[in-house]
Protein backbone atom coordinates (compact mmCIF):
# COMPACT_ATOMS: atom_id res chain seq x y z
CA UNK A 1 85.80 29.32 132.31
CA UNK A 2 84.34 32.69 133.29
CA UNK A 3 86.41 34.92 135.55
CA UNK A 4 84.53 36.29 138.55
CA UNK A 5 85.18 39.61 140.27
CA UNK A 6 83.43 41.22 143.25
CA UNK A 7 83.12 44.99 142.94
CA UNK A 8 82.32 46.85 146.17
CA UNK A 9 81.48 50.49 145.68
CA UNK A 10 79.42 53.49 146.76
CA UNK A 11 77.71 55.62 144.13
CA UNK A 12 78.94 58.97 145.61
CA UNK A 13 82.55 57.77 145.63
CA UNK A 14 84.52 59.88 143.13
CA UNK A 15 87.12 57.14 142.88
CA UNK A 16 84.43 54.62 141.93
CA UNK A 17 83.17 57.11 139.32
CA UNK A 18 86.66 57.24 137.84
CA UNK A 19 87.00 53.46 138.02
CA UNK A 20 83.73 52.14 136.62
CA UNK A 21 84.30 52.84 132.89
CA UNK A 22 87.68 51.09 133.02
CA UNK A 23 86.18 48.18 134.92
CA UNK A 24 83.55 47.83 132.20
CA UNK A 25 86.38 47.71 129.65
CA UNK A 26 88.01 44.89 131.61
CA UNK A 27 84.68 43.08 131.79
CA UNK A 28 84.34 43.12 128.02
CA UNK A 29 88.01 42.42 127.30
CA UNK A 30 88.38 39.40 129.57
CA UNK A 31 84.82 38.05 129.71
CA UNK A 32 84.60 38.94 133.40
CA UNK A 33 81.53 38.15 135.42
CA UNK A 34 81.18 41.01 137.88
CA UNK A 35 79.21 40.83 141.09
CA UNK A 36 78.16 44.46 141.49
CA UNK A 37 77.93 45.11 145.24
CA UNK A 38 76.83 48.58 146.32
CA UNK A 39 77.59 48.80 150.03
CA UNK A 40 77.08 51.12 152.98
CA UNK A 41 80.41 52.94 152.98
CA UNK A 42 79.60 54.96 156.09
CA UNK A 43 79.02 51.78 158.08
CA UNK A 44 82.23 50.33 156.69
CA UNK A 45 84.12 53.49 157.66
CA UNK A 46 82.61 53.37 161.16
CA UNK A 47 83.58 49.74 161.73
CA UNK A 48 87.16 50.30 160.57
CA UNK A 49 87.65 53.71 162.15
CA UNK A 50 88.06 55.51 158.82
CA UNK A 51 87.16 59.20 158.98
CA UNK A 52 84.56 60.61 156.63
CA UNK A 53 85.96 63.10 154.11
CA UNK A 54 84.80 66.15 156.11
CA UNK A 55 86.52 64.82 159.22
CA UNK A 56 89.93 64.20 157.67
CA UNK A 57 92.87 66.54 158.32
CA UNK A 58 92.89 69.64 156.11
CA UNK A 59 96.06 68.66 154.19
CA UNK A 60 94.45 65.30 153.34
CA UNK A 61 91.27 67.01 152.15
CA UNK A 62 93.22 69.46 149.98
CA UNK A 63 95.32 66.70 148.45
CA UNK A 64 92.17 64.71 147.69
CA UNK A 65 90.83 67.62 145.61
CA UNK A 66 94.15 67.94 143.78
CA UNK A 67 94.19 64.22 143.01
CA UNK A 68 90.60 64.27 141.76
CA UNK A 69 91.46 67.08 139.34
CA UNK A 70 94.60 65.27 138.17
CA UNK A 71 92.82 61.97 137.58
CA UNK A 72 89.85 63.60 135.88
CA UNK A 73 92.19 65.30 133.42
CA UNK A 74 94.33 62.19 132.96
CA UNK A 75 91.31 60.00 132.21
CA UNK A 76 89.60 62.76 130.22
CA UNK A 77 86.50 62.48 132.39
CA UNK A 78 84.42 65.48 133.45
CA UNK A 79 84.52 65.94 137.21
CA UNK A 80 83.37 68.70 139.52
CA UNK A 81 85.73 68.29 142.44
CA UNK A 82 83.35 69.98 144.91
CA UNK A 83 79.89 69.04 143.60
CA UNK A 84 76.70 70.61 144.88
CA UNK A 85 75.31 67.38 146.32
CA UNK A 86 78.19 65.83 148.24
CA UNK A 87 78.16 64.26 150.69
CA UNK A 88 74.85 62.64 149.80
CA UNK A 89 72.93 59.66 151.16
CA UNK A 90 73.42 56.92 148.54
CA UNK A 91 71.22 54.27 150.11
CA UNK A 92 68.24 54.67 147.76
CA UNK A 93 70.49 54.59 144.69
CA UNK A 94 72.21 51.50 146.05
CA UNK A 95 68.94 49.69 146.67
CA UNK A 96 67.71 50.74 143.22
CA UNK A 97 70.80 49.14 141.68
CA UNK A 98 70.07 45.90 143.55
CA UNK A 99 66.46 46.07 142.36
CA UNK A 100 67.57 46.66 138.77
CA UNK A 101 69.75 43.56 138.90
CA UNK A 102 66.68 41.54 139.76
CA UNK A 103 64.91 43.04 136.73
CA UNK A 104 67.69 42.15 134.26
CA UNK A 105 68.66 45.77 133.61
CA UNK A 106 72.12 46.39 132.15
CA UNK A 107 73.51 47.26 135.52
CA UNK A 108 76.88 48.83 134.69
CA UNK A 109 75.28 51.69 132.74
CA UNK A 110 72.87 52.43 135.58
CA UNK A 111 75.68 52.43 138.15
CA UNK A 112 77.80 54.81 136.12
CA UNK A 113 74.78 57.08 135.56
CA UNK A 114 74.32 57.45 139.32
CA UNK A 115 78.03 58.17 139.76
CA UNK A 116 78.08 60.65 136.88
CA UNK A 117 75.00 62.35 138.30
CA UNK A 118 76.99 63.29 141.41
CA UNK A 119 80.38 64.10 139.89
CA UNK A 120 79.57 65.58 136.48
CA UNK A 121 75.90 66.56 136.46
CA UNK A 122 75.60 67.80 140.08
CA UNK A 123 72.31 66.02 140.74
CA UNK A 124 70.96 64.85 144.06
CA UNK A 125 70.86 61.05 143.97
CA UNK A 126 69.03 60.92 147.29
CA UNK A 127 66.03 62.55 145.59
CA UNK A 128 63.33 60.13 144.42
CA UNK A 129 62.62 62.07 141.22
CA UNK A 130 66.31 62.00 140.29
CA UNK A 131 66.38 58.24 140.89
CA UNK A 132 63.35 57.72 138.62
CA UNK A 133 64.80 60.01 135.93
CA UNK A 134 68.10 58.13 135.88
CA UNK A 135 66.32 54.78 135.81
CA UNK A 136 64.19 55.85 132.82
CA UNK A 137 67.29 56.96 130.93
CA UNK A 138 68.63 53.43 131.45
CA UNK A 139 65.47 51.68 130.24
CA UNK A 140 64.38 50.77 133.74
CA UNK A 141 60.75 51.78 133.57
CA UNK A 142 58.52 50.84 136.44
CA UNK A 143 55.87 52.70 138.35
CA UNK A 144 56.96 51.16 141.62
CA UNK A 145 60.75 51.60 141.61
CA UNK A 146 60.87 53.57 144.86
CA UNK A 147 58.42 51.31 146.65
CA UNK A 148 60.22 48.18 145.46
CA UNK A 149 63.64 49.58 146.33
CA UNK A 150 62.38 50.12 149.88
CA UNK A 151 61.10 46.57 150.23
CA UNK A 152 62.38 44.33 153.00
CA UNK A 153 63.92 41.94 150.46
CA UNK A 154 66.04 44.65 148.84
CA UNK A 155 67.00 46.23 152.17
CA UNK A 156 68.19 42.84 153.43
CA UNK A 157 70.26 42.25 150.31
CA UNK A 158 71.84 45.68 150.70
CA UNK A 159 72.73 44.83 154.30
CA UNK A 160 74.23 41.55 153.13
CA UNK A 161 76.43 43.38 150.59
CA UNK A 162 77.80 45.46 153.45
CA UNK A 163 78.30 42.40 155.65
CA UNK A 164 80.12 40.68 152.77
CA UNK A 165 82.31 43.76 152.35
CA UNK A 166 83.25 43.78 156.02
CA UNK A 167 83.96 40.05 156.08
CA UNK A 168 86.20 40.53 153.03
CA UNK A 169 88.26 43.31 154.69
CA UNK A 170 86.86 46.03 152.45
CA UNK A 171 87.44 49.49 153.91
CA UNK A 172 86.87 51.86 151.00
CA UNK A 173 85.39 52.42 147.55
CA UNK A 174 86.12 51.16 145.00
CA UNK A 175 87.36 47.73 146.05
CA UNK A 176 87.83 44.80 143.69
CA UNK A 177 88.27 41.22 144.83
CA UNK A 178 89.57 38.75 142.29
CA UNK A 179 90.67 35.21 143.15
CA UNK A 180 90.55 36.17 146.84
CA UNK A 181 92.99 39.04 146.25
CA UNK A 182 91.88 42.53 147.24
CA UNK A 183 92.64 45.59 145.09
CA UNK A 184 91.65 48.92 146.60
CA UNK A 185 91.29 52.13 144.63
CA UNK A 186 90.85 53.15 141.02
CA UNK A 187 94.62 53.54 140.73
CA UNK A 188 95.04 49.78 141.30
CA UNK A 189 93.20 48.76 138.14
CA UNK A 190 96.48 48.09 136.31
CA UNK A 191 97.41 45.59 139.03
CA UNK A 192 93.94 44.07 138.79
CA UNK A 193 94.35 43.59 135.05
CA UNK A 194 97.71 41.90 135.53
CA UNK A 195 96.07 39.48 137.97
CA UNK A 196 93.34 38.72 135.44
CA UNK A 197 95.94 38.07 132.74
CA UNK A 198 97.75 35.42 134.81
């Protein structure tokens, strides 16, 4: 039997950036089937009354930067804790991921490339040329990527991901749901693995 996990994330989330490589390891180790669900984090924040990063109290913002540096060093992952293009509108990258899924592209590599673009490469993932460049580097070659990602079908699926997130009590990125149990945050991956092992 194949294990199934729902992964709700936003591409500009630094915590999702730190989580995705380890989630891919779990996928391979335990034969996990992952439903990759990019979602509108700003809408989720608004519904649940969660403040955007810039609107959080100063001590919370400072601690966030400290934690990002700590986790980047601990995981040996390059991370620019105050990247040039953050915050950034992720909606086009999210819709491109959904489109790629429909074109049988190896989705986890594309997702991590968008995340890495923000947090290590300091690229603007709201820029159409950046989107196309990242897609090409992941063997997603199409002359109509932007047009297709803006289609009504893809937009509706993106909205449904967000609706699914809200109905599943998701309030942040990354969130993993396994056997109806919610695990929030990249620092909960150890607990997620224990659940998979049961």
